[in-house]
C-alpha atoms as a PDB file:
ATOM      1  CA  UNK A   1     153.625  31.750  37.687  1.00  0.00           C
ATOM      2  CA  UNK A   2     151.341  33.182  40.256  1.00  0.00           C
ATOM      3  CA  UNK A   3     150.722  36.892  40.242  1.00  0.00           C
ATOM      4  CA  UNK A   4     153.944  38.283  41.610  1.00  0.00           C
ATOM      5  CA  UNK A   5     154.094  41.590  43.366  1.00  0.00           C
ATOM      6  CA  UNK A   6     157.663  42.663  43.521  1.00  0.00           C
ATOM      7  CA  UNK A   7     161.104  42.119  42.513  1.00  0.00           C
ATOM      8  CA  UNK A   8     163.581  39.656  43.587  1.00  0.00           C
ATOM      9  CA  UNK A   9     165.672  42.706  43.761  1.00  0.00           C
ATOM     10  CA  UNK A  10     168.593  43.095  46.001  1.00  0.00           C
ATOM     11  CA  UNK A  11     170.205  45.851  47.917  1.00  0.00           C
ATOM     12  CA  UNK A  12     173.898  45.922  48.657  1.00  0.00           C
ATOM     13  CA  UNK A  13     174.602  44.948  52.221  1.00  0.00           C
ATOM     14  CA  UNK A  14     176.703  46.788  54.712  1.00  0.00           C
ATOM     15  CA  UNK A  15     179.220  44.085  55.504  1.00  0.00           C
ATOM     16  CA  UNK A  16     180.993  45.930  58.298  1.00  0.00           C
ATOM     17  CA  UNK A  17     181.234  43.934  61.522  1.00  0.00           C
ATOM     18  CA  UNK A  18     179.412  46.599  63.466  1.00  0.00           C
ATOM     19  CA  UNK A  19     176.005  47.847  62.394  1.00  0.00           C
ATOM     20  CA  UNK A  20     174.304  51.103  63.233  1.00  0.00           C
ATOM     21  CA  UNK A  21     170.566  50.914  63.715  1.00  0.00           C
ATOM     22  CA  UNK A  22     170.101  53.351  60.851  1.00  0.00           C
ATOM     23  CA  UNK A  23     171.912  51.009  58.488  1.00  0.00           C
ATOM     24  CA  UNK A  24     170.042  47.994  59.789  1.00  0.00           C
ATOM     25  CA  UNK A  25     166.686  49.597  59.203  1.00  0.00           C
ATOM     26  CA  UNK A  26     167.676  50.777  55.748  1.00  0.00           C
ATOM     27  CA  UNK A  27     168.351  47.117  55.049  1.00  0.00           C
ATOM     28  CA  UNK A  28     165.086  45.974  56.669  1.00  0.00           C
ATOM     29  CA  UNK A  29     162.836  48.515  55.014  1.00  0.00           C
ATOM     30  CA  UNK A  30     164.182  47.607  51.598  1.00  0.00           C
ATOM     31  CA  UNK A  31     163.335  43.990  52.180  1.00  0.00           C
ATOM     32  CA  UNK A  32     159.867  44.986  53.285  1.00  0.00           C
ATOM     33  CA  UNK A  33     159.489  45.891  49.631  1.00  0.00           C
ATOM     34  CA  UNK A  34     160.944  42.619  48.476  1.00  0.00           C
ATOM     35  CA  UNK A  35     158.681  40.688  50.782  1.00  0.00           C
ATOM     36  CA  UNK A  36     155.331  42.050  49.751  1.00  0.00           C
ATOM     37  CA  UNK A  37     155.909  41.961  46.040  1.00  0.00           C
ATOM     38  CA  UNK A  38     156.980  38.353  46.118  1.00  0.00           C
ATOM     39  CA  UNK A  39     153.633  37.173  47.427  1.00  0.00           C
ATOM     40  CA  UNK A  40     150.894  35.764  45.272  1.00  0.00           C
ATOM     41  CA  UNK A  41     147.136  35.984  45.801  1.00  0.00           C
ATOM     42  CA  UNK A  42     145.578  32.542  46.024  1.00  0.00           C
ATOM     43  CA  UNK A  43     143.235  33.383  43.146  1.00  0.00           C
ATOM     44  CA  UNK A  44     146.114  33.724  40.702  1.00  0.00           C
ATOM     45  CA  UNK A  45     147.367  30.469  39.249  1.00  0.00           C
ATOM     46  CA  UNK A  46     148.336  31.098  35.622  1.00  0.00           C
ATOM     47  CA  UNK A  47     151.846  30.338  34.452  1.00  0.00           C
ATOM     48  CA  UNK A  48     152.473  33.989  33.688  1.00  0.00           C
ATOM     49  CA  UNK A  49     150.791  37.338  34.097  1.00  0.00           C
ATOM     50  CA  UNK A  50     149.465  37.490  30.552  1.00  0.00           C
ATOM     51  CA  UNK A  51     147.522  34.277  31.051  1.00  0.00           C
ATOM     52  CA  UNK A  52     145.494  35.985  33.753  1.00  0.00           C
ATOM     53  CA  UNK A  53     144.151  38.608  31.379  1.00  0.00           C
ATOM     54  CA  UNK A  54     140.667  38.640  29.915  1.00  0.00           C
ATOM     55  CA  UNK A  55     139.952  36.398  26.998  1.00  0.00           C
ATOM     56  CA  UNK A  56     139.963  38.126  23.623  1.00  0.00           C
ATOM     57  CA  UNK A  57     136.730  39.808  22.605  1.00  0.00           C
ATOM     58  CA  UNK A  58     134.941  38.910  19.430  1.00  0.00           C
ATOM     59  CA  UNK A  59     136.090  42.006  17.549  1.00  0.00           C
ATOM     60  CA  UNK A  60     139.234  40.953  15.702  1.00  0.00           C
ATOM     61  CA  UNK A  61     140.861  44.379  15.986  1.00  0.00           C
ATOM     62  CA  UNK A  62     140.381  44.331  19.761  1.00  0.00           C
ATOM     63  CA  UNK A  63     141.812  40.837  19.850  1.00  0.00           C
ATOM     64  CA  UNK A  64     144.857  42.010  17.941  1.00  0.00           C
ATOM     65  CA  UNK A  65     145.287  44.930  20.316  1.00  0.00           C
ATOM     66  CA  UNK A  66     145.023  42.684  23.338  1.00  0.00           C
ATOM     67  CA  UNK A  67     147.459  40.195  21.866  1.00  0.00           C
ATOM     68  CA  UNK A  68     149.911  43.030  21.260  1.00  0.00           C
ATOM     69  CA  UNK A  69     149.547  44.278  24.835  1.00  0.00           C
ATOM     70  CA  UNK A  70     149.857  40.773  26.254  1.00  0.00           C
ATOM     71  CA  UNK A  71     153.047  40.308  24.265  1.00  0.00           C
ATOM     72  CA  UNK A  72     154.446  43.576  25.639  1.00  0.00           C
ATOM     73  CA  UNK A  73     153.751  42.462  29.207  1.00  0.00           C
ATOM     74  CA  UNK A  74     155.354  39.092  28.527  1.00  0.00           C
ATOM     75  CA  UNK A  75     158.426  40.879  27.166  1.00  0.00           C
ATOM     76  CA  UNK A  76     158.366  43.162  30.210  1.00  0.00           C
ATOM     77  CA  UNK A  77     158.441  40.160  32.524  1.00  0.00           C
ATOM     78  CA  UNK A  78     161.459  38.770  30.706  1.00  0.00           C
ATOM     79  CA  UNK A  79     163.203  42.150  30.824  1.00  0.00           C
ATOM     80  CA  UNK A  80     162.490  42.447  34.536  1.00  0.00           C
ATOM     81  CA  UNK A  81     163.802  38.961  35.236  1.00  0.00           C
ATOM     82  CA  UNK A  82     167.042  39.903  33.470  1.00  0.00           C
ATOM     83  CA  UNK A  83     167.421  43.154  35.398  1.00  0.00           C
ATOM     84  CA  UNK A  84     166.541  45.521  32.555  1.00  0.00           C
ATOM     85  CA  UNK A  85     164.120  47.626  34.569  1.00  0.00           C
ATOM     86  CA  UNK A  86     164.077  50.698  32.340  1.00  0.00           C
ATOM     87  CA  UNK A  87     163.059  48.526  29.401  1.00  0.00           C
ATOM     88  CA  UNK A  88     160.443  46.834  31.601  1.00  0.00           C
ATOM     89  CA  UNK A  89     158.890  50.236  32.256  1.00  0.00           C
ATOM     90  CA  UNK A  90     158.790  51.043  28.558  1.00  0.00           C
ATOM     91  CA  UNK A  91     157.035  47.758  27.782  1.00  0.00           C
ATOM     92  CA  UNK A  92     154.504  48.208  30.604  1.00  0.00           C
ATOM     93  CA  UNK A  93     153.627  51.770  29.628  1.00  0.00           C
ATOM     94  CA  UNK A  94     153.034  50.716  26.035  1.00  0.00           C
ATOM     95  CA  UNK A  95     150.860  47.828  27.212  1.00  0.00           C
ATOM     96  CA  UNK A  96     148.885  50.098  29.529  1.00  0.00           C
ATOM     97  CA  UNK A  97     148.095  52.475  26.669  1.00  0.00           C
ATOM     98  CA  UNK A  98     146.561  49.584  24.782  1.00  0.00           C
ATOM     99  CA  UNK A  99     144.684  48.154  27.762  1.00  0.00           C
ATOM    100  CA  UNK A 100     143.268  51.615  28.489  1.00  0.00           C
ATOM    101  CA  UNK A 101     142.115  51.972  24.880  1.00  0.00           C
ATOM    102  CA  UNK A 102     140.256  48.639  24.912  1.00  0.00           C
ATOM    103  CA  UNK A 103     138.945  49.051  28.469  1.00  0.00           C
ATOM    104  CA  UNK A 104     140.570  45.969  29.973  1.00  0.00           C
ATOM    105  CA  UNK A 105     140.544  46.944  33.650  1.00  0.00           C
ATOM    106  CA  UNK A 106     141.835  43.644  35.029  1.00  0.00           C
ATOM    107  CA  UNK A 107     144.819  43.664  32.693  1.00  0.00           C
ATOM    108  CA  UNK A 108     145.607  47.235  33.711  1.00  0.00           C
ATOM    109  CA  UNK A 109     145.735  46.232  37.360  1.00  0.00           C
ATOM    110  CA  UNK A 110     148.109  43.353  36.731  1.00  0.00           C
ATOM    111  CA  UNK A 111     150.335  45.515  34.549  1.00  0.00           C
ATOM    112  CA  UNK A 112     150.525  48.210  37.230  1.00  0.00           C
ATOM    113  CA  UNK A 113     151.944  45.533  39.539  1.00  0.00           C
ATOM    114  CA  UNK A 114     154.803  44.831  37.141  1.00  0.00           C
ATOM    115  CA  UNK A 115     155.322  48.545  36.475  1.00  0.00           C
ATOM    116  CA  UNK A 116     155.588  49.291  40.198  1.00  0.00           C
ATOM    117  CA  UNK A 117     158.035  46.450  40.557  1.00  0.00           C
ATOM    118  CA  UNK A 118     160.365  47.971  37.959  1.00  0.00           C
ATOM    119  CA  UNK A 119     160.092  51.509  39.307  1.00  0.00           C
ATOM    120  CA  UNK A 120     160.982  50.388  42.819  1.00  0.00           C
ATOM    121  CA  UNK A 121     163.937  48.368  41.589  1.00  0.00           C
ATOM    122  CA  UNK A 122     165.304  51.595  40.148  1.00  0.00           C
ATOM    123  CA  UNK A 123     164.651  53.546  43.344  1.00  0.00           C
ATOM    124  CA  UNK A 124     161.921  55.598  41.667  1.00  0.00           C
ATOM    125  CA  UNK A 125     159.669  55.247  44.678  1.00  0.00           C
ATOM    126  CA  UNK A 126     157.188  58.053  43.954  1.00  0.00           C
ATOM    127  CA  UNK A 127     156.421  56.616  40.545  1.00  0.00           C
ATOM    128  CA  UNK A 128     156.223  53.155  42.100  1.00  0.00           C
ATOM    129  CA  UNK A 129     153.748  54.413  44.693  1.00  0.00           C
ATOM    130  CA  UNK A 130     151.635  56.035  41.977  1.00  0.00           C
ATOM    131  CA  UNK A 131     151.458  52.718  40.123  1.00  0.00           C
ATOM    132  CA  UNK A 132     150.493  50.916  43.324  1.00  0.00           C
ATOM    133  CA  UNK A 133     147.776  53.414  44.162  1.00  0.00           C
ATOM    134  CA  UNK A 134     146.348  52.994  40.679  1.00  0.00           C
ATOM    135  CA  UNK A 135     146.418  49.252  41.288  1.00  0.00           C
ATOM    136  CA  UNK A 136     144.556  49.760  44.574  1.00  0.00           C
ATOM    137  CA  UNK A 137     141.937  51.966  42.928  1.00  0.00           C
ATOM    138  CA  UNK A 138     141.256  49.293  40.312  1.00  0.00           C
ATOM    139  CA  UNK A 139     140.985  46.625  43.004  1.00  0.00           C
ATOM    140  CA  UNK A 140     138.472  48.748  44.901  1.00  0.00           C
ATOM    141  CA  UNK A 141     136.434  49.492  41.785  1.00  0.00           C
ATOM    142  CA  UNK A 142     136.248  45.789  40.952  1.00  0.00           C
ATOM    143  CA  UNK A 143     135.744  44.783  44.614  1.00  0.00           C
ATOM    144  CA  UNK A 144     138.789  42.539  44.413  1.00  0.00           C
ATOM    145  CA  UNK A 145     139.466  42.311  48.140  1.00  0.00           C
ATOM    146  CA  UNK A 146     142.449  40.007  47.800  1.00  0.00           C
ATOM    147  CA  UNK A 147     144.160  42.456  45.454  1.00  0.00           C
ATOM    148  CA  UNK A 148     143.333  45.277  47.878  1.00  0.00           C
ATOM    149  CA  UNK A 149     145.178  43.462  50.658  1.00  0.00           C
ATOM    150  CA  UNK A 150     148.302  43.110  48.570  1.00  0.00           C
ATOM    151  CA  UNK A 151     148.158  46.650  47.199  1.00  0.00           C
ATOM    152  CA  UNK A 152     147.768  48.112  50.689  1.00  0.00           C
ATOM    153  CA  UNK A 153     150.726  46.116  51.958  1.00  0.00           C
ATOM    154  CA  UNK A 154     152.834  47.216  49.018  1.00  0.00           C
ATOM    155  CA  UNK A 155     151.938  50.867  49.556  1.00  0.00           C
ATOM    156  CA  UNK A 156     152.783  50.459  53.226  1.00  0.00           C
ATOM    157  CA  UNK A 157     156.187  49.165  52.206  1.00  0.00           C
ATOM    158  CA  UNK A 158     156.912  52.385  50.360  1.00  0.00           C
ATOM    159  CA  UNK A 159     155.712  54.465  53.282  1.00  0.00           C
ATOM    160  CA  UNK A 160     158.096  52.548  55.511  1.00  0.00           C
ATOM    161  CA  UNK A 161     160.882  53.097  52.999  1.00  0.00           C
ATOM    162  CA  UNK A 162     160.157  56.820  53.177  1.00  0.00           C
ATOM    163  CA  UNK A 163     160.321  56.773  56.972  1.00  0.00           C
ATOM    164  CA  UNK A 164     156.578  57.253  57.423  1.00  0.00           C
ATOM    165  CA  UNK A 165     156.272  54.489  59.992  1.00  0.00           C
ATOM    166  CA  UNK A 166     152.926  55.527  61.498  1.00  0.00           C
ATOM    167  CA  UNK A 167     151.289  55.785  58.075  1.00  0.00           C
ATOM    168  CA  UNK A 168     152.789  52.445  57.080  1.00  0.00           C
ATOM    169  CA  UNK A 169     151.378  50.805  60.194  1.00  0.00           C
ATOM    170  CA  UNK A 170     147.926  52.255  59.564  1.00  0.00           C
ATOM    171  CA  UNK A 171     147.971  51.031  55.976  1.00  0.00           C
ATOM    172  CA  UNK A 172     149.038  47.528  56.983  1.00  0.00           C
ATOM    173  CA  UNK A 173     146.294  47.476  59.621  1.00  0.00           C
ATOM    174  CA  UNK A 174     143.765  48.309  56.913  1.00  0.00           C
ATOM    175  CA  UNK A 175     145.008  45.368  54.878  1.00  0.00           C
ATOM    176  CA  UNK A 176     144.855  43.125  57.942  1.00  0.00           C
ATOM    177  CA  UNK A 177     141.258  44.169  58.663  1.00  0.00           C
ATOM    178  CA  UNK A 178     140.190  43.275  55.122  1.00  0.00           C
ATOM    179  CA  UNK A 179     141.993  39.929  55.377  1.00  0.00           C
ATOM    180  CA  UNK A 180     140.239  39.129  58.634  1.00  0.00           C
ATOM    181  CA  UNK A 181     136.849  40.187  57.256  1.00  0.00           C
ATOM    182  CA  UNK A 182     137.113  37.914  54.227  1.00  0.00           C
ATOM    183  CA  UNK A 183     138.953  35.233  56.224  1.00  0.00           C
ATOM    184  CA  UNK A 184     141.988  35.338  53.967  1.00  0.00           C
ATOM    185  CA  UNK A 185     144.608  33.239  55.699  1.00  0.00           C
ATOM    186  CA  UNK A 186     147.216  34.302  53.164  1.00  0.00           C
ATOM    187  CA  UNK A 187     146.323  37.958  53.611  1.00  0.00           C
ATOM    188  CA  UNK A 188     146.558  37.678  57.375  1.00  0.00           C
ATOM    189  CA  UNK A 189     149.967  36.070  57.155  1.00  0.00           C
ATOM    190  CA  UNK A 190     151.204  38.820  54.864  1.00  0.00           C
ATOM    191  CA  UNK A 191     149.785  41.663  56.938  1.00  0.00           C
ATOM    192  CA  UNK A 192     151.005  40.270  60.262  1.00  0.00           C
ATOM    193  CA  UNK A 193     154.481  39.791  58.870  1.00  0.00           C
ATOM    194  CA  UNK A 194     154.543  43.349  57.565  1.00  0.00           C
ATOM    195  CA  UNK A 195     153.157  44.626  60.846  1.00  0.00           C
ATOM    196  CA  UNK A 196     156.160  42.929  62.397  1.00  0.00           C
ATOM    197  CA  UNK A 197     158.391  44.990  60.120  1.00  0.00           C
ATOM    198  CA  UNK A 198     156.692  48.202  61.223  1.00  0.00           C
ATOM    199  CA  UNK A 199     157.116  47.152  64.849  1.00  0.00           C
ATOM    200  CA  UNK A 200     160.792  46.361  64.276  1.00  0.00           C
ATOM    201  CA  UNK A 201     161.251  49.794  62.758  1.00  0.00           C
ATOM    202  CA  UNK A 202     159.944  51.220  66.041  1.00  0.00           C
ATOM    203  CA  UNK A 203     162.631  49.249  67.879  1.00  0.00           C
ATOM    204  CA  UNK A 204     160.393  46.715  69.623  1.00  0.00           C
ATOM    205  CA  UNK A 205     162.175  43.592  68.389  1.00  0.00           C
ATOM    206  CA  UNK A 206     160.566  41.200  70.854  1.00  0.00           C
ATOM    207  CA  UNK A 207     157.072  42.188  69.732  1.00  0.00           C
ATOM    208  CA  UNK A 208     158.165  42.021  66.104  1.00  0.00           C
ATOM    209  CA  UNK A 209     159.496  38.509  66.624  1.00  0.00           C
ATOM    210  CA  UNK A 210     156.135  37.438  68.093  1.00  0.00           C
ATOM    211  CA  UNK A 211     154.279  38.909  65.136  1.00  0.00           C
ATOM    212  CA  UNK A 212     156.555  37.058  62.732  1.00  0.00           C
ATOM    213  CA  UNK A 213     155.985  33.801  64.579  1.00  0.00           C
ATOM    214  CA  UNK A 214     152.210  34.292  64.368  1.00  0.00           C
ATOM    215  CA  UNK A 215     152.531  35.143  60.684  1.00  0.00           C
ATOM    216  CA  UNK A 216     154.474  31.928  60.108  1.00  0.00           C
ATOM    217  CA  UNK A 217     151.526  29.954  61.472  1.00  0.00           C
ATOM    218  CA  UNK A 218     149.208  31.430  58.834  1.00  0.00           C
ATOM    219  CA  UNK A 219     151.728  31.005  56.051  1.00  0.00           C
ATOM    220  CA  UNK A 220     152.280  27.352  56.877  1.00  0.00           C
ATOM    221  CA  UNK A 221     148.521  26.748  56.952  1.00  0.00           C
ATOM    222  CA  UNK A 222     148.261  27.752  53.303  1.00  0.00           C
ATOM    223  CA  UNK A 223     151.470  26.056  52.242  1.00  0.00           C
ATOM    224  CA  UNK A 224     152.783  29.478  51.238  1.00  0.00           C
ATOM    225  CA  UNK A 225     156.469  28.629  51.005  1.00  0.00           C
ATOM    226  CA  UNK A 226     157.355  31.994  49.479  1.00  0.00           C
ATOM    227  CA  UNK A 227     155.633  33.787  52.325  1.00  0.00           C
ATOM    228  CA  UNK A 228     157.171  31.462  54.900  1.00  0.00           C
ATOM    229  CA  UNK A 229     160.680  32.063  53.580  1.00  0.00           C
ATOM    230  CA  UNK A 230     160.059  35.815  53.514  1.00  0.00           C
ATOM    231  CA  UNK A 231     158.857  35.862  57.100  1.00  0.00           C
ATOM    232  CA  UNK A 232     161.806  33.750  58.191  1.00  0.00           C
ATOM    233  CA  UNK A 233     164.076  36.279  56.528  1.00  0.00           C
ATOM    234  CA  UNK A 234     162.249  39.060  58.371  1.00  0.00           C
ATOM    235  CA  UNK A 235     162.714  37.117  61.585  1.00  0.00           C
ATOM    236  CA  UNK A 236     166.417  36.906  60.821  1.00  0.00           C
ATOM    237  CA  UNK A 237     166.464  40.682  60.379  1.00  0.00           C
ATOM    238  CA  UNK A 238     164.904  41.189  63.801  1.00  0.00           C
ATOM    239  CA  UNK A 239     167.334  38.847  65.520  1.00  0.00           C
ATOM    240  CA  UNK A 240     170.211  40.571  63.732  1.00  0.00           C
ATOM    241  CA  UNK A 241     169.037  43.976  64.946  1.00  0.00           C
ATOM    242  CA  UNK A 242     168.843  42.600  68.463  1.00  0.00           C
ATOM    243  CA  UNK A 243     172.395  41.236  68.198  1.00  0.00           C
ATOM    244  CA  UNK A 244     171.249  37.618  68.562  1.00  0.00           C
ATOM    245  CA  UNK A 245     173.513  36.088  65.928  1.00  0.00           C
ATOM    246  CA  UNK A 246     172.738  32.458  66.741  1.00  0.00           C
ATOM    247  CA  UNK A 247     169.015  32.864  66.066  1.00  0.00           C
ATOM    248  CA  UNK A 248     169.808  35.202  63.174  1.00  0.00           C
ATOM    249  CA  UNK A 249     171.753  32.470  61.428  1.00  0.00           C
ATOM    250  CA  UNK A 250     169.100  29.897  62.306  1.00  0.00           C
ATOM    251  CA  UNK A 251     166.284  31.947  60.771  1.00  0.00           C
ATOM    252  CA  UNK A 252     168.161  32.867  57.620  1.00  0.00           C
ATOM    253  CA  UNK A 253     169.362  29.285  57.301  1.00  0.00           C
ATOM    254  CA  UNK A 254     165.793  27.957  57.471  1.00  0.00           C
ATOM    255  CA  UNK A 255     164.693  30.496  54.874  1.00  0.00           C
ATOM    256  CA  UNK A 256     167.538  29.511  52.569  1.00  0.00           C
ATOM    257  CA  UNK A 257     166.733  25.800  52.828  1.00  0.00           C
ATOM    258  CA  UNK A 258     163.072  26.357  51.978  1.00  0.00           C
ATOM    259  CA  UNK A 259     163.894  28.725  49.143  1.00  0.00           C
ATOM    260  CA  UNK A 260     166.494  26.394  47.692  1.00  0.00           C
ATOM    261  CA  UNK A 261     164.104  23.425  47.785  1.00  0.00           C
ATOM    262  CA  UNK A 262     161.296  25.374  46.133  1.00  0.00           C
ATOM    263  CA  UNK A 263     163.617  27.195  43.712  1.00  0.00           C
ATOM    264  CA  UNK A 264     162.491  30.515  45.175  1.00  0.00           C
ATOM    265  CA  UNK A 265     165.573  32.358  43.993  1.00  0.00           C
ATOM    266  CA  UNK A 266     164.738  35.786  45.364  1.00  0.00           C
ATOM    267  CA  UNK A 267     164.327  34.515  48.912  1.00  0.00           C
ATOM    268  CA  UNK A 268     167.371  32.304  48.503  1.00  0.00           C
ATOM    269  CA  UNK A 269     169.460  35.326  47.535  1.00  0.00           C
ATOM    270  CA  UNK A 270     168.057  37.364  50.380  1.00  0.00           C
ATOM    271  CA  UNK A 271     168.789  34.616  52.910  1.00  0.00           C
ATOM    272  CA  UNK A 272     172.338  34.328  51.616  1.00  0.00           C
ATOM    273  CA  UNK A 273     172.778  38.072  52.027  1.00  0.00           C
ATOM    274  CA  UNK A 274     171.512  37.910  55.587  1.00  0.00           C
ATOM    275  CA  UNK A 275     173.862  35.054  56.388  1.00  0.00           C
ATOM    276  CA  UNK A 276     176.810  36.913  54.836  1.00  0.00           C
ATOM    277  CA  UNK A 277     175.986  39.901  57.009  1.00  0.00           C
ATOM    278  CA  UNK A 278     175.661  37.812  60.170  1.00  0.00           C
ATOM    279  CA  UNK A 279     178.770  35.698  59.635  1.00  0.00           C
ATOM    280  CA  UNK A 280     180.950  38.658  58.685  1.00  0.00           C
ATOM    281  CA  UNK A 281     179.644  40.565  61.708  1.00  0.00           C
ATOM    282  CA  UNK A 282     181.126  37.922  64.009  1.00  0.00           C
ATOM    283  CA  UNK A 283     184.326  37.445  62.020  1.00  0.00           C
ATOM    284  CA  UNK A 284     183.413  34.226  60.210  1.00  0.00           C
ATOM    285  CA  UNK A 285     184.831  35.460  56.932  1.00  0.00           C
ATOM    286  CA  UNK A 286     185.527  32.046  55.420  1.00  0.00           C
ATOM    287  CA  UNK A 287     181.842  31.169  55.678  1.00  0.00           C
ATOM    288  CA  UNK A 288     180.881  34.602  54.341  1.00  0.00           C
ATOM    289  CA  UNK A 289     183.064  34.094  51.268  1.00  0.00           C
ATOM    290  CA  UNK A 290     181.639  30.617  50.730  1.00  0.00           C
ATOM    291  CA  UNK A 291     178.125  32.080  50.752  1.00  0.00           C
ATOM    292  CA  UNK A 292     179.124  34.835  48.345  1.00  0.00           C
ATOM    293  CA  UNK A 293     180.491  32.200  46.002  1.00  0.00           C
ATOM    294  CA  UNK A 294     177.108  30.472  46.102  1.00  0.00           C
ATOM    295  CA  UNK A 295     175.427  33.796  45.446  1.00  0.00           C
ATOM    296  CA  UNK A 296     177.505  34.567  42.370  1.00  0.00           C
ATOM    297  CA  UNK A 297     176.995  31.059  41.001  1.00  0.00           C
ATOM    298  CA  UNK A 298     173.239  31.435  41.412  1.00  0.00           C
ATOM    299  CA  UNK A 299     173.271  34.839  39.708  1.00  0.00           C
ATOM    300  CA  UNK A 300     175.167  33.337  36.773  1.00  0.00           C
ATOM    301  CA  UNK A 301     172.765  30.413  36.543  1.00  0.00           C
ATOM    302  CA  UNK A 302     169.860  32.832  36.448  1.00  0.00           C
ATOM    303  CA  UNK A 303     171.702  34.918  33.838  1.00  0.00           C
ATOM    304  CA  UNK A 304     170.670  37.893  35.925  1.00  0.00           C
ATOM    305  CA  UNK A 305     173.156  40.708  35.425  1.00  0.00           C
ATOM    306  CA  UNK A 306     171.622  42.763  38.217  1.00  0.00           C
ATOM    307  CA  UNK A 307     172.270  40.042  40.764  1.00  0.00           C
ATOM    308  CA  UNK A 308     175.730  39.502  39.309  1.00  0.00           C
ATOM    309  CA  UNK A 309     176.441  43.184  39.901  1.00  0.00           C
ATOM    310  CA  UNK A 310     175.169  42.902  43.481  1.00  0.00           C
ATOM    311  CA  UNK A 311     177.388  39.880  44.078  1.00  0.00           C
ATOM    312  CA  UNK A 312     180.474  41.699  42.806  1.00  0.00           C
ATOM    313  CA  UNK A 313     179.786  44.670  45.033  1.00  0.00           C
ATOM    314  CA  UNK A 314     179.222  42.463  48.071  1.00  0.00           C
ATOM    315  CA  UNK A 315     182.591  40.816  47.396  1.00  0.00           C
ATOM    316  CA  UNK A 316     184.204  44.245  47.011  1.00  0.00           C
ATOM    317  CA  UNK A 317     182.792  45.498  50.306  1.00  0.00           C
ATOM    318  CA  UNK A 318     183.934  42.443  52.205  1.00  0.00           C
ATOM    319  CA  UNK A 319     187.455  42.619  50.780  1.00  0.00           C
ATOM    320  CA  UNK A 320     187.498  46.349  51.514  1.00  0.00           C
ATOM    321  CA  UNK A 321     186.476  45.638  55.091  1.00  0.00           C
ATOM    322  CA  UNK A 322     189.378  43.220  55.409  1.00  0.00           C
ATOM    323  CA  UNK A 323     191.815  45.779  53.995  1.00  0.00           C
ATOM    324  CA  UNK A 324     192.471  43.837  50.798  1.00  0.00           C
ATOM    325  CA  UNK A 325     192.141  46.884  48.563  1.00  0.00           C
ATOM    326  CA  UNK A 326     193.569  45.458  45.308  1.00  0.00           C
ATOM    327  CA  UNK A 327     191.019  42.631  45.278  1.00  0.00           C
ATOM    328  CA  UNK A 328     188.242  44.983  46.376  1.00  0.00           C
ATOM    329  CA  UNK A 329     189.136  47.287  43.505  1.00  0.00           C
ATOM    330  CA  UNK A 330     188.944  44.398  41.054  1.00  0.00           C
ATOM    331  CA  UNK A 331     185.429  43.533  42.194  1.00  0.00           C
ATOM    332  CA  UNK A 332     184.281  47.161  42.157  1.00  0.00           C
ATOM    333  CA  UNK A 333     185.542  47.465  38.587  1.00  0.00           C
ATOM    334  CA  UNK A 334     183.706  44.283  37.594  1.00  0.00           C
ATOM    335  CA  UNK A 335     180.521  45.674  39.141  1.00  0.00           C
ATOM    336  CA  UNK A 336     180.985  48.945  37.256  1.00  0.00           C
ATOM    337  CA  UNK A 337     181.358  47.034  33.989  1.00  0.00           C
ATOM    338  CA  UNK A 338     178.062  45.236  34.589  1.00  0.00           C
ATOM    339  CA  UNK A 339     176.342  48.516  35.478  1.00  0.00           C
ATOM    340  CA  UNK A 340     177.459  49.888  32.113  1.00  0.00           C
ATOM    341  CA  UNK A 341     176.135  46.798  30.359  1.00  0.00           C
ATOM    342  CA  UNK A 342     172.791  47.378  32.082  1.00  0.00           C
ATOM    343  CA  UNK A 343     172.957  51.040  31.077  1.00  0.00           C
ATOM    344  CA  UNK A 344     172.328  51.907  34.728  1.00  0.00           C
ATOM    345  CA  UNK A 345     174.067  55.266  35.027  1.00  0.00           C
ATOM    346  CA  UNK A 346     172.954  55.784  38.611  1.00  0.00           C
ATOM    347  CA  UNK A 347     174.578  52.553  39.766  1.00  0.00           C
ATOM    348  CA  UNK A 348     177.673  53.210  37.713  1.00  0.00           C
ATOM    349  CA  UNK A 349     178.206  56.640  39.286  1.00  0.00           C
ATOM    350  CA  UNK A 350     177.576  55.301  42.784  1.00  0.00           C
ATOM    351  CA  UNK A 351     180.054  52.448  42.344  1.00  0.00           C
ATOM    352  CA  UNK A 352     182.716  54.717  40.898  1.00  0.00           C
ATOM    353  CA  UNK A 353     182.276  56.987  43.909  1.00  0.00           C
ATOM    354  CA  UNK A 354     182.669  54.067  46.315  1.00  0.00           C
ATOM    355  CA  UNK A 355     185.803  52.942  44.524  1.00  0.00           C
ATOM    356  CA  UNK A 356     187.221  56.467  44.560  1.00  0.00           C
ATOM    357  CA  UNK A 357     186.537  56.860  48.272  1.00  0.00           C
ATOM    358  CA  UNK A 358     188.204  53.533  49.020  1.00  0.00           C
ATOM    359  CA  UNK A 359     191.322  54.442  47.030  1.00  0.00           C
ATOM    360  CA  UNK A 360     191.602  57.707  48.980  1.00  0.00           C
ATOM    361  CA  UNK A 361     191.701  55.729  52.226  1.00  0.00           C
ATOM    362  CA  UNK A 362     194.468  53.366  51.086  1.00  0.00           C
END
């Protein structure tokens, strides 16, 4: 695969028919993270991250060390794809120790990408930011301008998540300036789309929509279907925040079609989530349930327990919204079971609390 920057992770949607701006932006800022880490620099074309690492050196012991580290990263990718983020972190840290010992700078940078991805999936944003800043430092030392663009955008995503909108905007602008200087069409598309997210956070949806539309032009020029689907999802977010449900559904629908055709599962899941939110907001519950069924089927096909958990919770929230508490309870309990399987204590406690609060309201 191309060098991937962040998780096809998923946050649980607020499926209530009315949305506060605070909740909307919590949703948007999370997907800012999703968006930037899904992108791939044009220079990366190997089938997986380990194939982008330096070739083994002549010293056999160094070769053995590198092979061991490469194997750890490969295992980490598989763990991440299955939703085992804690184990991903363990594998990455072990690999980094080896890469540091043999002085493989390029491999360190790529591993920090995967490490940041896992940290952010777990909500460990400070540790994720540290990994990203280390990635940026390596990119600057090696004068890898393309990697700098992506690292800056990823750091900006965390700043936006933390509510530091001005700092996020400044960081994205820095990435945009580098992209323009090296004439990186892909980098410009990424930075403009993320600048749209910053603008949306400030409440200027019309300007954000224009930035997204400009970003789409760049993304289509490079044939960047992942980027195009991401920006379409961002566009759907902006329309949703503005209460324009027709264009919301149109944008998410376009993103879902592209993602489905290209087997871009993360964007497909995100588009489905946006459509569930939009349809349930206007009372189209039958369509929302149909989309959730598609979501759960996809999660099962991917054998991704994390996405299965997210699907169960989305079902639970929608049934809870409709006052069908017995069915909602069933789905919450199924989600809790998966959280235990994943050994995700934080999620388990949160879900139990949600279930307890719902039962008190019955």
